[in-house]
C-alpha atoms as a PDB file:
ATOM      1  CA  UNK A   1     -29.233  -4.314 -33.884  1.00  0.00           C
ATOM      2  CA  UNK A   2     -28.549  -6.362 -30.731  1.00  0.00           C
ATOM      3  CA  UNK A   3     -30.277  -5.355 -27.498  1.00  0.00           C
ATOM      4  CA  UNK A   4     -29.299  -6.415 -23.967  1.00  0.00           C
ATOM      5  CA  UNK A   5     -32.124  -7.607 -21.734  1.00  0.00           C
ATOM      6  CA  UNK A   6     -32.687  -5.285 -18.782  1.00  0.00           C
ATOM      7  CA  UNK A   7     -33.914  -6.104 -15.293  1.00  0.00           C
ATOM      8  CA  UNK A   8     -36.649  -4.204 -13.461  1.00  0.00           C
ATOM      9  CA  UNK A   9     -34.136  -1.484 -12.520  1.00  0.00           C
ATOM     10  CA  UNK A  10     -33.205  -0.918 -16.134  1.00  0.00           C
ATOM     11  CA  UNK A  11     -29.831  -2.644 -15.761  1.00  0.00           C
ATOM     12  CA  UNK A  12     -28.471  -5.666 -17.591  1.00  0.00           C
ATOM     13  CA  UNK A  13     -28.327  -8.803 -15.435  1.00  0.00           C
ATOM     14  CA  UNK A  14     -25.070 -10.595 -14.693  1.00  0.00           C
ATOM     15  CA  UNK A  15     -26.173 -13.556 -16.789  1.00  0.00           C
ATOM     16  CA  UNK A  16     -26.782 -11.291 -19.788  1.00  0.00           C
ATOM     17  CA  UNK A  17     -23.481  -9.450 -19.413  1.00  0.00           C
ATOM     18  CA  UNK A  18     -21.362 -12.582 -19.152  1.00  0.00           C
ATOM     19  CA  UNK A  19     -23.318 -14.512 -21.768  1.00  0.00           C
ATOM     20  CA  UNK A  20     -22.622 -11.748 -24.255  1.00  0.00           C
ATOM     21  CA  UNK A  21     -18.882 -12.262 -23.845  1.00  0.00           C
ATOM     22  CA  UNK A  22     -19.188 -16.033 -23.874  1.00  0.00           C
ATOM     23  CA  UNK A  23     -18.623 -16.793 -20.156  1.00  0.00           C
ATOM     24  CA  UNK A  24     -20.950 -18.765 -17.899  1.00  0.00           C
ATOM     25  CA  UNK A  25     -21.753 -17.611 -14.366  1.00  0.00           C
ATOM     26  CA  UNK A  26     -19.964 -20.710 -13.025  1.00  0.00           C
ATOM     27  CA  UNK A  27     -16.795 -19.822 -14.939  1.00  0.00           C
ATOM     28  CA  UNK A  28     -17.020 -16.238 -13.756  1.00  0.00           C
ATOM     29  CA  UNK A  29     -17.498 -17.285 -10.126  1.00  0.00           C
ATOM     30  CA  UNK A  30     -14.389 -19.460 -10.317  1.00  0.00           C
ATOM     31  CA  UNK A  31     -12.332 -16.591 -11.740  1.00  0.00           C
ATOM     32  CA  UNK A  32     -13.568 -14.232  -9.017  1.00  0.00           C
ATOM     33  CA  UNK A  33     -12.662 -16.816  -6.348  1.00  0.00           C
ATOM     34  CA  UNK A  34      -9.207 -17.280  -7.923  1.00  0.00           C
ATOM     35  CA  UNK A  35      -8.557 -13.517  -7.842  1.00  0.00           C
ATOM     36  CA  UNK A  36      -9.721 -13.211  -4.218  1.00  0.00           C
ATOM     37  CA  UNK A  37      -7.580 -16.175  -3.165  1.00  0.00           C
ATOM     38  CA  UNK A  38      -4.539 -14.709  -4.934  1.00  0.00           C
ATOM     39  CA  UNK A  39      -5.012 -11.270  -3.344  1.00  0.00           C
ATOM     40  CA  UNK A  40      -5.358 -12.643   0.201  1.00  0.00           C
ATOM     41  CA  UNK A  41      -2.376 -15.003  -0.017  1.00  0.00           C
ATOM     42  CA  UNK A  42      -0.186 -12.536  -1.923  1.00  0.00           C
ATOM     43  CA  UNK A  43      -0.911  -9.763   0.562  1.00  0.00           C
ATOM     44  CA  UNK A  44       0.225 -12.024   3.403  1.00  0.00           C
ATOM     45  CA  UNK A  45       3.259 -13.283   1.480  1.00  0.00           C
ATOM     46  CA  UNK A  46       4.632  -9.859   0.551  1.00  0.00           C
ATOM     47  CA  UNK A  47       3.716  -8.169   3.845  1.00  0.00           C
ATOM     48  CA  UNK A  48       1.281  -5.627   2.471  1.00  0.00           C
ATOM     49  CA  UNK A  49       3.271  -4.526  -0.591  1.00  0.00           C
ATOM     50  CA  UNK A  50       1.139  -3.405  -3.562  1.00  0.00           C
ATOM     51  CA  UNK A  51      -0.197  -6.049  -5.934  1.00  0.00           C
ATOM     52  CA  UNK A  52       0.042  -5.090  -9.599  1.00  0.00           C
ATOM     53  CA  UNK A  53      -3.123  -5.163 -11.644  1.00  0.00           C
ATOM     54  CA  UNK A  54      -1.303  -7.100 -14.352  1.00  0.00           C
ATOM     55  CA  UNK A  55      -0.843  -9.959 -11.862  1.00  0.00           C
ATOM     56  CA  UNK A  56      -4.606 -10.165 -11.350  1.00  0.00           C
ATOM     57  CA  UNK A  57      -5.277  -9.790 -15.054  1.00  0.00           C
ATOM     58  CA  UNK A  58      -2.924 -12.671 -15.872  1.00  0.00           C
ATOM     59  CA  UNK A  59      -5.021 -15.025 -13.698  1.00  0.00           C
ATOM     60  CA  UNK A  60      -7.902 -14.396 -16.086  1.00  0.00           C
ATOM     61  CA  UNK A  61      -6.144 -14.018 -19.435  1.00  0.00           C
ATOM     62  CA  UNK A  62      -4.164 -17.253 -19.136  1.00  0.00           C
ATOM     63  CA  UNK A  63      -7.394 -19.065 -20.062  1.00  0.00           C
ATOM     64  CA  UNK A  64      -9.756 -16.420 -21.445  1.00  0.00           C
ATOM     65  CA  UNK A  65      -9.112 -13.798 -24.121  1.00  0.00           C
ATOM     66  CA  UNK A  66     -12.224 -11.612 -23.801  1.00  0.00           C
ATOM     67  CA  UNK A  67     -10.999  -8.041 -23.457  1.00  0.00           C
ATOM     68  CA  UNK A  68     -13.755  -6.864 -21.094  1.00  0.00           C
ATOM     69  CA  UNK A  69     -13.480  -9.839 -18.730  1.00  0.00           C
ATOM     70  CA  UNK A  70     -10.564  -8.784 -16.448  1.00  0.00           C
ATOM     71  CA  UNK A  71     -12.245  -5.517 -15.420  1.00  0.00           C
ATOM     72  CA  UNK A  72     -15.554  -7.276 -14.707  1.00  0.00           C
ATOM     73  CA  UNK A  73     -13.938 -10.029 -12.635  1.00  0.00           C
ATOM     74  CA  UNK A  74     -11.630  -7.719 -10.672  1.00  0.00           C
ATOM     75  CA  UNK A  75     -14.507  -5.361  -9.856  1.00  0.00           C
ATOM     76  CA  UNK A  76     -16.644  -8.245  -8.579  1.00  0.00           C
ATOM     77  CA  UNK A  77     -13.695  -9.604  -6.580  1.00  0.00           C
ATOM     78  CA  UNK A  78     -13.314  -6.144  -5.058  1.00  0.00           C
ATOM     79  CA  UNK A  79     -17.008  -6.112  -4.060  1.00  0.00           C
ATOM     80  CA  UNK A  80     -16.763  -9.541  -2.426  1.00  0.00           C
ATOM     81  CA  UNK A  81     -13.549  -8.673  -0.582  1.00  0.00           C
ATOM     82  CA  UNK A  82     -15.465  -5.756   0.907  1.00  0.00           C
ATOM     83  CA  UNK A  83     -18.777  -7.454   1.704  1.00  0.00           C
ATOM     84  CA  UNK A  84     -17.424 -10.831   2.882  1.00  0.00           C
ATOM     85  CA  UNK A  85     -13.908 -10.188   4.193  1.00  0.00           C
ATOM     86  CA  UNK A  86     -14.172  -6.548   5.269  1.00  0.00           C
ATOM     87  CA  UNK A  87     -11.281  -5.391   3.066  1.00  0.00           C
ATOM     88  CA  UNK A  88     -11.078  -2.557   0.587  1.00  0.00           C
ATOM     89  CA  UNK A  89      -9.019  -3.389  -2.496  1.00  0.00           C
ATOM     90  CA  UNK A  90      -7.719   0.138  -2.892  1.00  0.00           C
ATOM     91  CA  UNK A  91      -6.080   1.289  -6.093  1.00  0.00           C
ATOM     92  CA  UNK A  92      -2.980   3.371  -5.449  1.00  0.00           C
ATOM     93  CA  UNK A  93      -2.660   6.704  -7.186  1.00  0.00           C
ATOM     94  CA  UNK A  94       1.014   7.183  -7.950  1.00  0.00           C
ATOM     95  CA  UNK A  95       2.365  10.171  -6.014  1.00  0.00           C
ATOM     96  CA  UNK A  96       4.325  12.717  -8.037  1.00  0.00           C
ATOM     97  CA  UNK A  97       7.764  13.624  -6.648  1.00  0.00           C
ATOM     98  CA  UNK A  98       7.960  17.007  -4.927  1.00  0.00           C
ATOM     99  CA  UNK A  99      11.448  17.592  -6.308  1.00  0.00           C
ATOM    100  CA  UNK A 100      11.359  20.028  -9.206  1.00  0.00           C
ATOM    101  CA  UNK A 101      14.916  19.187 -10.242  1.00  0.00           C
ATOM    102  CA  UNK A 102      14.475  15.437 -10.301  1.00  0.00           C
ATOM    103  CA  UNK A 103      16.296  13.377 -12.916  1.00  0.00           C
ATOM    104  CA  UNK A 104      14.210  12.595 -15.962  1.00  0.00           C
ATOM    105  CA  UNK A 105      15.323   8.971 -15.826  1.00  0.00           C
ATOM    106  CA  UNK A 106      13.912   8.611 -12.313  1.00  0.00           C
ATOM    107  CA  UNK A 107      10.579  10.052 -13.388  1.00  0.00           C
ATOM    108  CA  UNK A 108      10.406   7.632 -16.276  1.00  0.00           C
ATOM    109  CA  UNK A 109      11.161   4.702 -13.968  1.00  0.00           C
ATOM    110  CA  UNK A 110       8.094   5.696 -11.939  1.00  0.00           C
ATOM    111  CA  UNK A 111       5.695   5.454 -14.861  1.00  0.00           C
ATOM    112  CA  UNK A 112       2.125   4.911 -13.746  1.00  0.00           C
ATOM    113  CA  UNK A 113       1.427   1.258 -12.996  1.00  0.00           C
ATOM    114  CA  UNK A 114      -1.932   0.263 -11.567  1.00  0.00           C
ATOM    115  CA  UNK A 115      -1.581  -1.541  -8.275  1.00  0.00           C
ATOM    116  CA  UNK A 116      -3.706  -2.360  -5.240  1.00  0.00           C
ATOM    117  CA  UNK A 117      -3.347  -2.743  -1.486  1.00  0.00           C
ATOM    118  CA  UNK A 118      -5.732  -4.327   0.994  1.00  0.00           C
ATOM    119  CA  UNK A 119      -7.078  -1.997   3.675  1.00  0.00           C
ATOM    120  CA  UNK A 120      -9.275  -3.175   6.515  1.00  0.00           C
ATOM    121  CA  UNK A 121     -12.725  -1.575   6.675  1.00  0.00           C
ATOM    122  CA  UNK A 122     -13.284  -2.722  10.242  1.00  0.00           C
ATOM    123  CA  UNK A 123     -13.603  -0.095  12.984  1.00  0.00           C
ATOM    124  CA  UNK A 124     -10.143   0.519  14.543  1.00  0.00           C
ATOM    125  CA  UNK A 125     -11.136  -0.912  17.927  1.00  0.00           C
ATOM    126  CA  UNK A 126     -12.476  -4.116  16.313  1.00  0.00           C
ATOM    127  CA  UNK A 127      -9.415  -4.491  14.094  1.00  0.00           C
ATOM    128  CA  UNK A 128      -7.056  -4.019  17.044  1.00  0.00           C
ATOM    129  CA  UNK A 129      -8.929  -6.560  19.179  1.00  0.00           C
ATOM    130  CA  UNK A 130      -9.530  -9.373  16.671  1.00  0.00           C
ATOM    131  CA  UNK A 131      -7.229  -8.909  13.657  1.00  0.00           C
ATOM    132  CA  UNK A 132      -4.091  -6.935  14.452  1.00  0.00           C
ATOM    133  CA  UNK A 133      -0.990  -9.006  15.117  1.00  0.00           C
ATOM    134  CA  UNK A 134       0.343  -7.754  18.455  1.00  0.00           C
ATOM    135  CA  UNK A 135       3.716  -9.280  17.645  1.00  0.00           C
ATOM    136  CA  UNK A 136       3.975  -6.881  14.694  1.00  0.00           C
ATOM    137  CA  UNK A 137       3.409  -3.679  16.652  1.00  0.00           C
ATOM    138  CA  UNK A 138       7.079  -2.686  16.394  1.00  0.00           C
ATOM    139  CA  UNK A 139       6.727  -2.521  12.596  1.00  0.00           C
ATOM    140  CA  UNK A 140       3.705  -0.240  12.902  1.00  0.00           C
ATOM    141  CA  UNK A 141       5.605   1.969  15.354  1.00  0.00           C
ATOM    142  CA  UNK A 142       8.619   2.203  13.051  1.00  0.00           C
ATOM    143  CA  UNK A 143       6.406   2.958  10.054  1.00  0.00           C
ATOM    144  CA  UNK A 144       4.650   5.844  11.740  1.00  0.00           C
ATOM    145  CA  UNK A 145       7.893   7.157  13.191  1.00  0.00           C
ATOM    146  CA  UNK A 146       9.637   7.197   9.788  1.00  0.00           C
ATOM    147  CA  UNK A 147       6.793   8.789   7.845  1.00  0.00           C
ATOM    148  CA  UNK A 148       6.248  11.290  10.678  1.00  0.00           C
ATOM    149  CA  UNK A 149       9.866  12.448  10.361  1.00  0.00           C
ATOM    150  CA  UNK A 150       9.373  12.981   6.629  1.00  0.00           C
ATOM    151  CA  UNK A 151       6.040  14.715   7.245  1.00  0.00           C
ATOM    152  CA  UNK A 152       7.577  17.111   9.777  1.00  0.00           C
ATOM    153  CA  UNK A 153      10.359  17.873   7.286  1.00  0.00           C
ATOM    154  CA  UNK A 154       7.763  19.154   4.841  1.00  0.00           C
ATOM    155  CA  UNK A 155       7.078  15.902   3.029  1.00  0.00           C
ATOM    156  CA  UNK A 156      10.624  15.497   1.739  1.00  0.00           C
ATOM    157  CA  UNK A 157      13.975  14.809   3.395  1.00  0.00           C
ATOM    158  CA  UNK A 158      17.418  13.814   2.204  1.00  0.00           C
ATOM    159  CA  UNK A 159      18.606  10.309   2.984  1.00  0.00           C
ATOM    160  CA  UNK A 160      21.455  11.738   5.061  1.00  0.00           C
ATOM    161  CA  UNK A 161      19.147  13.885   7.198  1.00  0.00           C
ATOM    162  CA  UNK A 162      16.656  11.059   7.658  1.00  0.00           C
ATOM    163  CA  UNK A 163      19.357   8.774   9.030  1.00  0.00           C
ATOM    164  CA  UNK A 164      20.553  11.567  11.325  1.00  0.00           C
ATOM    165  CA  UNK A 165      17.082  11.692  12.884  1.00  0.00           C
ATOM    166  CA  UNK A 166      16.885   7.905  13.099  1.00  0.00           C
ATOM    167  CA  UNK A 167      20.308   7.745  14.762  1.00  0.00           C
ATOM    168  CA  UNK A 168      19.042  10.067  17.502  1.00  0.00           C
ATOM    169  CA  UNK A 169      16.520   7.304  18.233  1.00  0.00           C
ATOM    170  CA  UNK A 170      19.206   4.639  18.283  1.00  0.00           C
ATOM    171  CA  UNK A 171      18.516   3.306  14.777  1.00  0.00           C
ATOM    172  CA  UNK A 172      21.660   2.974  12.658  1.00  0.00           C
ATOM    173  CA  UNK A 173      21.935   2.249   8.949  1.00  0.00           C
ATOM    174  CA  UNK A 174      24.637  -0.349   9.531  1.00  0.00           C
ATOM    175  CA  UNK A 175      22.737  -2.199  12.256  1.00  0.00           C
ATOM    176  CA  UNK A 176      21.632  -5.556  10.875  1.00  0.00           C
ATOM    177  CA  UNK A 177      20.784  -7.084  14.268  1.00  0.00           C
ATOM    178  CA  UNK A 178      18.510  -4.575  15.972  1.00  0.00           C
ATOM    179  CA  UNK A 179      16.714  -6.389  18.834  1.00  0.00           C
ATOM    180  CA  UNK A 180      13.294  -5.448  17.410  1.00  0.00           C
ATOM    181  CA  UNK A 181      13.673  -4.440  13.750  1.00  0.00           C
ATOM    182  CA  UNK A 182      16.535  -6.694  12.698  1.00  0.00           C
ATOM    183  CA  UNK A 183      18.176  -5.129   9.619  1.00  0.00           C
ATOM    184  CA  UNK A 184      17.305  -1.447  10.105  1.00  0.00           C
ATOM    185  CA  UNK A 185      18.228  -0.412   6.551  1.00  0.00           C
ATOM    186  CA  UNK A 186      15.986  -3.148   5.152  1.00  0.00           C
ATOM    187  CA  UNK A 187      13.179  -2.080   7.489  1.00  0.00           C
ATOM    188  CA  UNK A 188      13.344   1.399   5.948  1.00  0.00           C
ATOM    189  CA  UNK A 189      13.517  -0.041   2.426  1.00  0.00           C
ATOM    190  CA  UNK A 190      10.366  -2.074   3.132  1.00  0.00           C
ATOM    191  CA  UNK A 191       8.472   1.205   3.616  1.00  0.00           C
ATOM    192  CA  UNK A 192       9.447   2.128   0.061  1.00  0.00           C
ATOM    193  CA  UNK A 193       8.290  -1.254  -1.224  1.00  0.00           C
ATOM    194  CA  UNK A 194       4.989  -0.870   0.632  1.00  0.00           C
ATOM    195  CA  UNK A 195       4.565   2.643  -0.837  1.00  0.00           C
ATOM    196  CA  UNK A 196       4.607   4.586   2.402  1.00  0.00           C
ATOM    197  CA  UNK A 197       7.740   6.339   1.180  1.00  0.00           C
ATOM    198  CA  UNK A 198       9.290   6.876  -2.213  1.00  0.00           C
ATOM    199  CA  UNK A 199      12.981   7.320  -2.833  1.00  0.00           C
ATOM    200  CA  UNK A 200      14.159   9.629  -5.605  1.00  0.00           C
ATOM    201  CA  UNK A 201      17.499  10.748  -6.971  1.00  0.00           C
ATOM    202  CA  UNK A 202      17.849  14.531  -7.158  1.00  0.00           C
ATOM    203  CA  UNK A 203      20.488  16.655  -8.865  1.00  0.00           C
ATOM    204  CA  UNK A 204      22.178  18.860  -6.274  1.00  0.00           C
ATOM    205  CA  UNK A 205      25.174  21.208  -6.250  1.00  0.00           C
ATOM    206  CA  UNK A 206      27.350  18.357  -5.017  1.00  0.00           C
ATOM    207  CA  UNK A 207      25.958  15.783  -7.422  1.00  0.00           C
ATOM    208  CA  UNK A 208      23.101  13.306  -7.109  1.00  0.00           C
ATOM    209  CA  UNK A 209      21.390  13.133  -3.720  1.00  0.00           C
ATOM    210  CA  UNK A 210      18.821  10.559  -2.558  1.00  0.00           C
ATOM    211  CA  UNK A 211      15.680  12.003  -0.995  1.00  0.00           C
ATOM    212  CA  UNK A 212      12.727  10.329   0.693  1.00  0.00           C
ATOM    213  CA  UNK A 213       9.208  11.636   0.128  1.00  0.00           C
ATOM    214  CA  UNK A 214       5.773  10.598   1.329  1.00  0.00           C
ATOM    215  CA  UNK A 215       4.214   8.068  -1.058  1.00  0.00           C
ATOM    216  CA  UNK A 216       0.608   7.101  -1.777  1.00  0.00           C
ATOM    217  CA  UNK A 217      -0.173   5.179   1.385  1.00  0.00           C
ATOM    218  CA  UNK A 218       1.270   7.840   3.691  1.00  0.00           C
ATOM    219  CA  UNK A 219      -0.747  10.481   1.817  1.00  0.00           C
ATOM    220  CA  UNK A 220      -3.989   8.523   2.200  1.00  0.00           C
ATOM    221  CA  UNK A 221      -6.477  10.502   4.282  1.00  0.00           C
ATOM    222  CA  UNK A 222      -6.963   7.828   6.954  1.00  0.00           C
ATOM    223  CA  UNK A 223      -3.219   7.179   7.364  1.00  0.00           C
ATOM    224  CA  UNK A 224      -2.487  10.900   7.344  1.00  0.00           C
ATOM    225  CA  UNK A 225      -4.964  11.466  10.166  1.00  0.00           C
ATOM    226  CA  UNK A 226      -3.462   8.640  12.244  1.00  0.00           C
ATOM    227  CA  UNK A 227       0.028   9.984  11.589  1.00  0.00           C
ATOM    228  CA  UNK A 228      -0.912  13.438  12.879  1.00  0.00           C
ATOM    229  CA  UNK A 229      -2.455  11.828  15.959  1.00  0.00           C
ATOM    230  CA  UNK A 230       0.746   9.820  16.459  1.00  0.00           C
ATOM    231  CA  UNK A 231       2.847  13.006  16.215  1.00  0.00           C
ATOM    232  CA  UNK A 232       0.694  14.769  18.791  1.00  0.00           C
ATOM    233  CA  UNK A 233       1.094  11.818  21.171  1.00  0.00           C
ATOM    234  CA  UNK A 234       4.868  11.922  20.814  1.00  0.00           C
ATOM    235  CA  UNK A 235       4.916  15.588  21.769  1.00  0.00           C
ATOM    236  CA  UNK A 236       4.438  14.601  25.384  1.00  0.00           C
ATOM    237  CA  UNK A 237       7.211  12.882  27.300  1.00  0.00           C
ATOM    238  CA  UNK A 238       5.096   9.848  28.095  1.00  0.00           C
ATOM    239  CA  UNK A 239       4.588   9.069  24.405  1.00  0.00           C
ATOM    240  CA  UNK A 240       8.297   9.334  23.682  1.00  0.00           C
ATOM    241  CA  UNK A 241       9.161   7.042  26.569  1.00  0.00           C
ATOM    242  CA  UNK A 242       6.594   4.492  25.392  1.00  0.00           C
ATOM    243  CA  UNK A 243       8.104   4.423  21.922  1.00  0.00           C
ATOM    244  CA  UNK A 244      11.664   4.222  23.266  1.00  0.00           C
ATOM    245  CA  UNK A 245      10.672   1.241  25.382  1.00  0.00           C
ATOM    246  CA  UNK A 246       9.001  -0.398  22.397  1.00  0.00           C
ATOM    247  CA  UNK A 247      12.118  -0.164  20.234  1.00  0.00           C
ATOM    248  CA  UNK A 248      14.575  -0.933  23.054  1.00  0.00           C
ATOM    249  CA  UNK A 249      16.508   2.260  22.342  1.00  0.00           C
END
């Protein structure tokens, strides 16, 4: 019987764990660095869209075939992203559609796929002062406005009704040259890609209808709290005027 050497806390050391699967600490460190580098650059490249676990796994499995290795490397990369860079590599839990009469094909297309997003662990005031891109504030404003509309509608709204609300704010589906957002339809679609919203096809009396629902990132506790704060701010006239000025409505 093979025993693993334990340290003074009764836990196997890193050297023992990796030696058992035939990987040196140097090789492991390089894989962890490769995963971290990929996550940071990919997150910037795709503007915060989720990164699939299979993408991270492929970085490791293209050279190594040990089954346990990807989980070990990704977990250590997650720890270093937190301790060194101040980011949480958060796994998204796929949100189930609220629609009871949703097409089966749509449900199947949303089969669970593990994915991650980077979330800053810095205090809000520190993040806003040293990290946040002030030139990107209009995107943040649009994001919170869109998910707030869906939230106030009970977490689900038809595509037609959502655009009716957006039109009242001067945002039109056909507008591809908005002075702040550019292509407004694409700006809304980006919220689906980033998993703030999910778009589902529902069977209705007049045929298939597209509905928007809150997705994983909008349902996250921290985002949900900020969204409710945002809604309360917009209840006063000053908040509405500030947002209207921001979006040049």
